[in-house]
N, C-alpha and C. Protein backbone atom coordinates (compact mmCIF):
# COMPACT_ATOMS: atom_id res chain seq x y z
N UNK A 1 -5.10 23.51 11.72
CA UNK A 1 -4.15 24.20 10.86
C UNK A 1 -3.01 23.26 10.43
N UNK A 2 -2.47 22.50 11.39
CA UNK A 2 -1.38 21.58 11.06
C UNK A 2 -1.88 20.49 10.13
N UNK A 3 -3.11 20.01 10.36
CA UNK A 3 -3.69 18.97 9.49
C UNK A 3 -3.83 19.49 8.07
N UNK A 4 -4.27 20.74 7.92
CA UNK A 4 -4.43 21.36 6.60
C UNK A 4 -3.07 21.50 5.91
N UNK A 5 -2.06 21.90 6.67
CA UNK A 5 -0.71 22.03 6.12
C UNK A 5 -0.16 20.67 5.69
N UNK A 6 -0.40 19.65 6.52
CA UNK A 6 0.05 18.30 6.20
C UNK A 6 -0.65 17.78 4.94
N UNK A 7 -1.94 18.06 4.80
CA UNK A 7 -2.69 17.65 3.61
C UNK A 7 -2.09 18.29 2.37
N UNK A 8 -1.78 19.57 2.46
CA UNK A 8 -1.17 20.27 1.31
C UNK A 8 0.22 19.70 0.99
N UNK A 9 0.99 19.40 2.02
CA UNK A 9 2.31 18.81 1.81
C UNK A 9 2.19 17.44 1.14
N UNK A 10 1.24 16.63 1.60
CA UNK A 10 1.01 15.32 0.98
C UNK A 10 0.61 15.48 -0.48
N UNK A 11 -0.22 16.47 -0.78
CA UNK A 11 -0.64 16.69 -2.16
C UNK A 11 0.55 17.08 -3.04
N UNK A 12 1.39 17.98 -2.54
CA UNK A 12 2.57 18.41 -3.30
C UNK A 12 3.51 17.22 -3.53
N UNK A 13 3.71 16.41 -2.47
CA UNK A 13 4.56 15.23 -2.62
C UNK A 13 3.96 14.27 -3.64
N UNK A 14 2.64 14.11 -3.63
CA UNK A 14 1.97 13.27 -4.61
C UNK A 14 2.23 13.75 -6.03
N UNK A 15 2.14 15.07 -6.23
CA UNK A 15 2.41 15.62 -7.56
C UNK A 15 3.85 15.38 -8.01
N UNK A 16 4.78 15.56 -7.09
CA UNK A 16 6.20 15.36 -7.42
C UNK A 16 6.44 13.90 -7.82
N UNK A 17 5.93 12.97 -7.02
CA UNK A 17 6.16 11.56 -7.33
C UNK A 17 5.41 11.12 -8.58
N UNK A 18 4.24 11.70 -8.84
CA UNK A 18 3.52 11.39 -10.08
C UNK A 18 4.33 11.86 -11.28
N UNK A 19 4.89 13.05 -11.20
CA UNK A 19 5.73 13.56 -12.28
C UNK A 19 6.94 12.65 -12.50
N UNK A 20 7.58 12.21 -11.42
CA UNK A 20 8.72 11.29 -11.55
C UNK A 20 8.29 9.96 -12.16
N UNK A 21 7.11 9.48 -11.81
CA UNK A 21 6.61 8.22 -12.39
C UNK A 21 6.39 8.37 -13.89
N UNK A 22 5.83 9.49 -14.30
CA UNK A 22 5.59 9.72 -15.73
C UNK A 22 6.91 9.84 -16.48
N UNK A 23 7.87 10.54 -15.89
CA UNK A 23 9.20 10.63 -16.51
C UNK A 23 9.83 9.23 -16.59
N UNK A 24 9.61 8.43 -15.54
CA UNK A 24 10.14 7.06 -15.53
C UNK A 24 9.58 6.19 -16.62
N UNK A 25 8.36 6.50 -17.08
CA UNK A 25 7.79 5.73 -18.20
C UNK A 25 8.55 6.01 -19.48
N UNK A 26 9.19 7.17 -19.56
CA UNK A 26 9.89 7.57 -20.78
C UNK A 26 11.38 7.28 -20.74
N UNK A 27 11.97 7.23 -19.54
CA UNK A 27 13.41 7.00 -19.40
C UNK A 27 13.67 5.63 -18.78
N UNK A 28 14.43 4.78 -19.46
CA UNK A 28 14.63 3.42 -18.95
C UNK A 28 15.39 3.35 -17.62
N UNK A 29 16.20 4.33 -17.29
CA UNK A 29 16.98 4.26 -16.05
C UNK A 29 16.20 4.73 -14.83
N UNK A 30 15.06 5.36 -15.02
CA UNK A 30 14.27 5.88 -13.90
C UNK A 30 13.07 4.96 -13.69
N UNK A 31 12.93 4.38 -12.51
CA UNK A 31 11.82 3.45 -12.28
C UNK A 31 10.48 4.17 -12.21
N UNK A 32 9.44 3.53 -12.69
CA UNK A 32 8.10 4.11 -12.67
C UNK A 32 7.32 3.68 -11.44
N UNK A 33 7.31 2.40 -11.17
CA UNK A 33 6.42 1.84 -10.15
C UNK A 33 6.64 2.42 -8.75
N UNK A 34 7.88 2.50 -8.25
CA UNK A 34 8.03 3.04 -6.89
C UNK A 34 7.50 4.47 -6.77
N UNK A 35 7.74 5.28 -7.79
CA UNK A 35 7.25 6.65 -7.75
C UNK A 35 5.73 6.70 -7.85
N UNK A 36 5.16 5.83 -8.67
CA UNK A 36 3.70 5.77 -8.78
C UNK A 36 3.08 5.34 -7.46
N UNK A 37 3.69 4.35 -6.80
CA UNK A 37 3.18 3.91 -5.50
C UNK A 37 3.26 5.02 -4.46
N UNK A 38 4.35 5.75 -4.48
CA UNK A 38 4.47 6.88 -3.55
C UNK A 38 3.44 7.96 -3.86
N UNK A 39 3.21 8.23 -5.13
CA UNK A 39 2.20 9.23 -5.50
C UNK A 39 0.82 8.79 -5.00
N UNK A 40 0.50 7.51 -5.20
CA UNK A 40 -0.79 6.99 -4.73
C UNK A 40 -0.88 7.11 -3.21
N UNK A 41 0.19 6.81 -2.52
CA UNK A 41 0.22 6.90 -1.05
C UNK A 41 -0.10 8.33 -0.61
N UNK A 42 0.57 9.30 -1.20
CA UNK A 42 0.37 10.69 -0.79
C UNK A 42 -1.00 11.22 -1.23
N UNK A 43 -1.47 10.82 -2.42
CA UNK A 43 -2.80 11.26 -2.85
C UNK A 43 -3.90 10.63 -2.00
N UNK A 44 -3.67 9.41 -1.53
CA UNK A 44 -4.66 8.76 -0.66
C UNK A 44 -4.84 9.56 0.62
N UNK A 45 -3.82 10.27 1.04
CA UNK A 45 -3.87 11.06 2.27
C UNK A 45 -4.22 12.52 2.04
N UNK A 46 -4.34 12.92 0.77
CA UNK A 46 -4.60 14.34 0.53
C UNK A 46 -5.75 14.62 -0.44
N UNK A 47 -5.93 13.79 -1.46
CA UNK A 47 -6.94 14.07 -2.47
C UNK A 47 -7.48 12.76 -3.06
N UNK A 48 -8.67 12.39 -2.64
CA UNK A 48 -9.28 11.16 -3.17
C UNK A 48 -9.52 11.28 -4.67
N UNK A 49 -9.77 12.49 -5.14
CA UNK A 49 -9.99 12.72 -6.57
C UNK A 49 -8.72 12.35 -7.37
N UNK A 50 -7.56 12.84 -6.93
CA UNK A 50 -6.31 12.53 -7.62
C UNK A 50 -5.96 11.06 -7.44
N UNK A 51 -6.28 10.49 -6.29
CA UNK A 51 -6.02 9.08 -6.04
C UNK A 51 -6.77 8.23 -7.07
N UNK A 52 -8.06 8.50 -7.25
CA UNK A 52 -8.86 7.76 -8.24
C UNK A 52 -8.34 8.00 -9.65
N UNK A 53 -7.95 9.24 -9.94
CA UNK A 53 -7.45 9.60 -11.27
C UNK A 53 -6.16 8.82 -11.58
N UNK A 54 -5.26 8.71 -10.61
CA UNK A 54 -4.00 7.98 -10.82
C UNK A 54 -4.25 6.51 -11.13
N UNK A 55 -5.27 5.95 -10.50
CA UNK A 55 -5.57 4.54 -10.74
C UNK A 55 -6.13 4.30 -12.14
N UNK A 56 -6.48 5.37 -12.84
CA UNK A 56 -6.99 5.24 -14.21
C UNK A 56 -5.94 5.53 -15.27
N UNK A 57 -4.73 5.93 -14.87
CA UNK A 57 -3.68 6.27 -15.83
C UNK A 57 -3.21 4.99 -16.53
N UNK A 58 -3.26 4.97 -17.87
CA UNK A 58 -2.78 3.79 -18.60
C UNK A 58 -1.29 3.54 -18.30
N UNK A 59 -0.97 2.29 -18.07
CA UNK A 59 0.41 1.92 -17.80
C UNK A 59 0.82 2.03 -16.35
N UNK A 60 0.03 2.69 -15.53
CA UNK A 60 0.35 2.84 -14.12
C UNK A 60 -0.76 2.26 -13.25
N UNK A 61 -1.98 2.66 -13.54
CA UNK A 61 -3.12 2.32 -12.69
C UNK A 61 -3.36 0.83 -12.51
N UNK A 62 -3.30 0.07 -13.59
CA UNK A 62 -3.57 -1.36 -13.51
C UNK A 62 -2.58 -2.07 -12.60
N UNK A 63 -1.32 -1.75 -12.75
CA UNK A 63 -0.29 -2.37 -11.91
C UNK A 63 -0.45 -2.02 -10.44
N UNK A 64 -0.82 -0.79 -10.17
CA UNK A 64 -1.03 -0.38 -8.78
C UNK A 64 -2.24 -1.10 -8.19
N UNK A 65 -3.31 -1.21 -8.96
CA UNK A 65 -4.50 -1.93 -8.47
C UNK A 65 -4.15 -3.41 -8.22
N UNK A 66 -3.40 -4.02 -9.14
CA UNK A 66 -2.99 -5.42 -8.96
C UNK A 66 -2.20 -5.59 -7.66
N UNK A 67 -1.27 -4.67 -7.43
CA UNK A 67 -0.41 -4.79 -6.25
C UNK A 67 -1.19 -4.54 -4.96
N UNK A 68 -1.99 -3.48 -4.93
CA UNK A 68 -2.70 -3.16 -3.69
C UNK A 68 -3.78 -4.17 -3.37
N UNK A 69 -4.43 -4.74 -4.37
CA UNK A 69 -5.53 -5.67 -4.11
C UNK A 69 -5.05 -7.11 -3.97
N UNK A 70 -4.12 -7.54 -4.82
CA UNK A 70 -3.72 -8.96 -4.87
C UNK A 70 -2.25 -9.22 -4.53
N UNK A 71 -1.43 -8.19 -4.43
CA UNK A 71 0.01 -8.35 -4.22
C UNK A 71 0.64 -9.18 -5.34
N UNK A 72 0.23 -8.88 -6.59
CA UNK A 72 0.79 -9.57 -7.76
C UNK A 72 1.44 -8.58 -8.70
N UNK A 73 2.33 -9.10 -9.51
CA UNK A 73 2.93 -8.34 -10.61
C UNK A 73 2.74 -9.20 -11.85
N UNK A 74 1.98 -8.71 -12.80
CA UNK A 74 1.67 -9.51 -13.98
C UNK A 74 2.93 -9.85 -14.77
N UNK A 75 2.87 -10.99 -15.45
CA UNK A 75 4.02 -11.48 -16.21
C UNK A 75 4.46 -10.48 -17.28
N UNK A 76 3.51 -9.82 -17.93
CA UNK A 76 3.85 -8.82 -18.94
C UNK A 76 4.71 -7.70 -18.33
N UNK A 77 4.35 -7.24 -17.15
CA UNK A 77 5.11 -6.18 -16.47
C UNK A 77 6.50 -6.69 -16.09
N UNK A 78 6.58 -7.95 -15.66
CA UNK A 78 7.88 -8.53 -15.31
C UNK A 78 8.79 -8.60 -16.52
N UNK A 79 8.24 -8.98 -17.66
CA UNK A 79 9.04 -9.08 -18.88
C UNK A 79 9.50 -7.70 -19.33
N UNK A 80 8.59 -6.73 -19.27
CA UNK A 80 8.97 -5.36 -19.62
C UNK A 80 10.09 -4.86 -18.71
N UNK A 81 9.96 -5.12 -17.43
CA UNK A 81 10.99 -4.70 -16.47
C UNK A 81 12.32 -5.40 -16.77
N UNK A 82 12.26 -6.69 -17.06
CA UNK A 82 13.47 -7.45 -17.38
C UNK A 82 14.19 -6.82 -18.58
N UNK A 83 13.45 -6.52 -19.62
CA UNK A 83 14.05 -5.93 -20.83
C UNK A 83 14.66 -4.57 -20.51
N UNK A 84 13.90 -3.71 -19.83
CA UNK A 84 14.41 -2.37 -19.54
C UNK A 84 15.58 -2.39 -18.56
N UNK A 85 15.52 -3.26 -17.57
CA UNK A 85 16.64 -3.35 -16.63
C UNK A 85 17.88 -3.93 -17.31
N UNK A 86 17.69 -4.88 -18.23
CA UNK A 86 18.83 -5.43 -18.98
C UNK A 86 19.47 -4.35 -19.85
N UNK A 87 18.63 -3.56 -20.51
CA UNK A 87 19.16 -2.45 -21.32
C UNK A 87 19.93 -1.47 -20.45
N UNK A 88 19.35 -1.15 -19.30
CA UNK A 88 20.01 -0.23 -18.37
C UNK A 88 21.36 -0.79 -17.91
N UNK A 89 21.38 -2.10 -17.60
CA UNK A 89 22.63 -2.73 -17.17
C UNK A 89 23.70 -2.69 -18.25
N UNK A 90 23.30 -2.93 -19.49
CA UNK A 90 24.26 -2.88 -20.60
C UNK A 90 24.78 -1.46 -20.80
N UNK A 91 23.88 -0.49 -20.75
CA UNK A 91 24.30 0.91 -20.94
C UNK A 91 25.28 1.32 -19.85
N UNK A 92 24.98 0.99 -18.60
CA UNK A 92 25.87 1.33 -17.50
C UNK A 92 27.22 0.62 -17.66
N UNK A 93 27.20 -0.64 -18.06
CA UNK A 93 28.44 -1.41 -18.23
C UNK A 93 29.33 -0.82 -19.30
N UNK A 94 28.74 -0.24 -20.33
CA UNK A 94 29.52 0.29 -21.45
C UNK A 94 30.04 1.71 -21.22
N UNK A 95 29.61 2.34 -20.16
CA UNK A 95 30.07 3.70 -19.86
C UNK A 95 31.49 3.65 -19.30
N UNK A 96 32.45 4.12 -20.09
CA UNK A 96 33.86 4.07 -19.70
C UNK A 96 34.21 5.03 -18.57
N UNK A 97 33.47 6.11 -18.44
CA UNK A 97 33.81 7.11 -17.42
C UNK A 97 33.33 6.72 -16.01
N UNK A 98 32.54 5.66 -15.90
CA UNK A 98 32.07 5.21 -14.59
C UNK A 98 33.08 4.24 -13.98
N UNK A 99 33.28 4.36 -12.69
CA UNK A 99 34.21 3.45 -12.00
C UNK A 99 33.60 2.06 -11.91
N UNK A 100 34.48 1.09 -11.69
CA UNK A 100 34.04 -0.30 -11.56
C UNK A 100 33.05 -0.45 -10.41
N UNK A 101 33.30 0.22 -9.30
CA UNK A 101 32.41 0.09 -8.14
C UNK A 101 31.03 0.67 -8.42
N UNK A 102 30.96 1.75 -9.17
CA UNK A 102 29.66 2.33 -9.54
C UNK A 102 28.91 1.37 -10.45
N UNK A 103 29.62 0.79 -11.40
CA UNK A 103 28.99 -0.18 -12.31
C UNK A 103 28.46 -1.39 -11.53
N UNK A 104 29.27 -1.93 -10.63
CA UNK A 104 28.86 -3.13 -9.87
C UNK A 104 27.71 -2.80 -8.92
N UNK A 105 27.73 -1.63 -8.32
CA UNK A 105 26.64 -1.23 -7.43
C UNK A 105 25.34 -1.12 -8.22
N UNK A 106 25.41 -0.48 -9.37
CA UNK A 106 24.23 -0.31 -10.20
C UNK A 106 23.69 -1.66 -10.66
N UNK A 107 24.56 -2.51 -11.13
CA UNK A 107 24.13 -3.83 -11.61
C UNK A 107 23.56 -4.66 -10.45
N UNK A 108 24.14 -4.53 -9.27
CA UNK A 108 23.61 -5.23 -8.10
C UNK A 108 22.20 -4.76 -7.76
N UNK A 109 21.98 -3.48 -7.84
CA UNK A 109 20.64 -2.93 -7.58
C UNK A 109 19.65 -3.43 -8.63
N UNK A 110 20.07 -3.40 -9.89
CA UNK A 110 19.20 -3.90 -10.97
C UNK A 110 18.86 -5.38 -10.75
N UNK A 111 19.83 -6.16 -10.37
CA UNK A 111 19.58 -7.58 -10.10
C UNK A 111 18.65 -7.76 -8.90
N UNK A 112 18.83 -6.94 -7.88
CA UNK A 112 17.94 -6.99 -6.72
C UNK A 112 16.50 -6.69 -7.09
N UNK A 113 16.31 -5.70 -7.95
CA UNK A 113 14.96 -5.37 -8.42
C UNK A 113 14.38 -6.54 -9.20
N UNK A 114 15.19 -7.15 -10.07
CA UNK A 114 14.70 -8.30 -10.84
C UNK A 114 14.32 -9.47 -9.93
N UNK A 115 15.14 -9.75 -8.95
CA UNK A 115 14.84 -10.84 -8.02
C UNK A 115 13.53 -10.55 -7.28
N UNK A 116 13.36 -9.32 -6.84
CA UNK A 116 12.11 -8.95 -6.16
C UNK A 116 10.91 -9.15 -7.08
N UNK A 117 11.00 -8.61 -8.30
CA UNK A 117 9.87 -8.71 -9.23
C UNK A 117 9.50 -10.16 -9.52
N UNK A 118 10.50 -10.98 -9.82
CA UNK A 118 10.23 -12.36 -10.21
C UNK A 118 9.88 -13.25 -9.03
N UNK A 119 10.09 -12.77 -7.80
CA UNK A 119 9.71 -13.56 -6.64
C UNK A 119 8.24 -13.38 -6.28
N UNK A 120 7.58 -12.42 -6.90
CA UNK A 120 6.17 -12.15 -6.63
C UNK A 120 5.28 -12.94 -7.59
N UNK A 121 4.10 -13.35 -7.13
CA UNK A 121 3.18 -14.09 -8.01
C UNK A 121 2.69 -13.23 -9.17
N UNK A 122 2.32 -13.90 -10.25
CA UNK A 122 1.80 -13.21 -11.43
C UNK A 122 0.28 -13.25 -11.51
N UNK A 123 -0.32 -14.14 -10.74
CA UNK A 123 -1.78 -14.28 -10.73
C UNK A 123 -2.27 -14.31 -9.29
N UNK A 124 -3.48 -13.82 -9.07
CA UNK A 124 -4.02 -13.86 -7.70
C UNK A 124 -4.27 -15.29 -7.26
N UNK A 125 -4.15 -15.54 -5.97
CA UNK A 125 -4.41 -16.87 -5.43
C UNK A 125 -5.83 -16.92 -4.87
N UNK A 126 -6.51 -18.01 -5.20
CA UNK A 126 -7.84 -18.26 -4.68
C UNK A 126 -7.78 -19.58 -3.94
N UNK A 127 -8.09 -19.57 -2.67
CA UNK A 127 -8.01 -20.76 -1.83
C UNK A 127 -6.62 -21.39 -1.86
N UNK A 128 -5.59 -20.53 -1.86
CA UNK A 128 -4.22 -21.02 -1.83
C UNK A 128 -3.66 -21.45 -3.16
N UNK A 129 -4.45 -21.39 -4.23
CA UNK A 129 -3.99 -21.81 -5.55
C UNK A 129 -4.09 -20.63 -6.51
N UNK A 130 -3.11 -20.54 -7.43
CA UNK A 130 -3.15 -19.48 -8.44
C UNK A 130 -4.28 -19.79 -9.42
N UNK A 131 -5.07 -18.79 -9.70
CA UNK A 131 -6.18 -18.95 -10.65
C UNK A 131 -6.07 -17.85 -11.69
N UNK A 132 -6.28 -18.23 -12.95
CA UNK A 132 -6.37 -17.24 -14.01
C UNK A 132 -7.75 -16.65 -13.97
N UNK A 133 -7.84 -15.37 -13.78
CA UNK A 133 -9.13 -14.69 -13.86
C UNK A 133 -8.91 -13.25 -14.23
N UNK A 134 -9.91 -12.66 -14.79
CA UNK A 134 -9.83 -11.26 -15.19
C UNK A 134 -9.89 -10.41 -13.94
N UNK A 135 -8.84 -9.56 -13.75
CA UNK A 135 -8.83 -8.67 -12.61
C UNK A 135 -8.72 -7.24 -13.06
């Protein structure tokens, strides 16, 4: 009974995070990838059907497969993130009603995300060397 309840809870959490990931694709201030990864995590524990379906979603599935299989973030995704995070930083900076500390905290978080993204490889490594190949 508890296992069944936990499975249902994981499924509901997967749906919530999937919805947030989809909203994040439309709103520059809301991240997509962390929510998509959480959705995949919860669907992996509750519904293999939804797990496979999420991996086929355009704009989400490829990046998740790259990360789970190779621990890479493609250069195109890094550039998109850079542009969106820069826009977000400019928008936050121009908001007069936000305090200086809120602005600096937000910009620090955005910079932390950028550093993380750009510190990851863009291509899978084969025998310790980066190789261009279709993945």
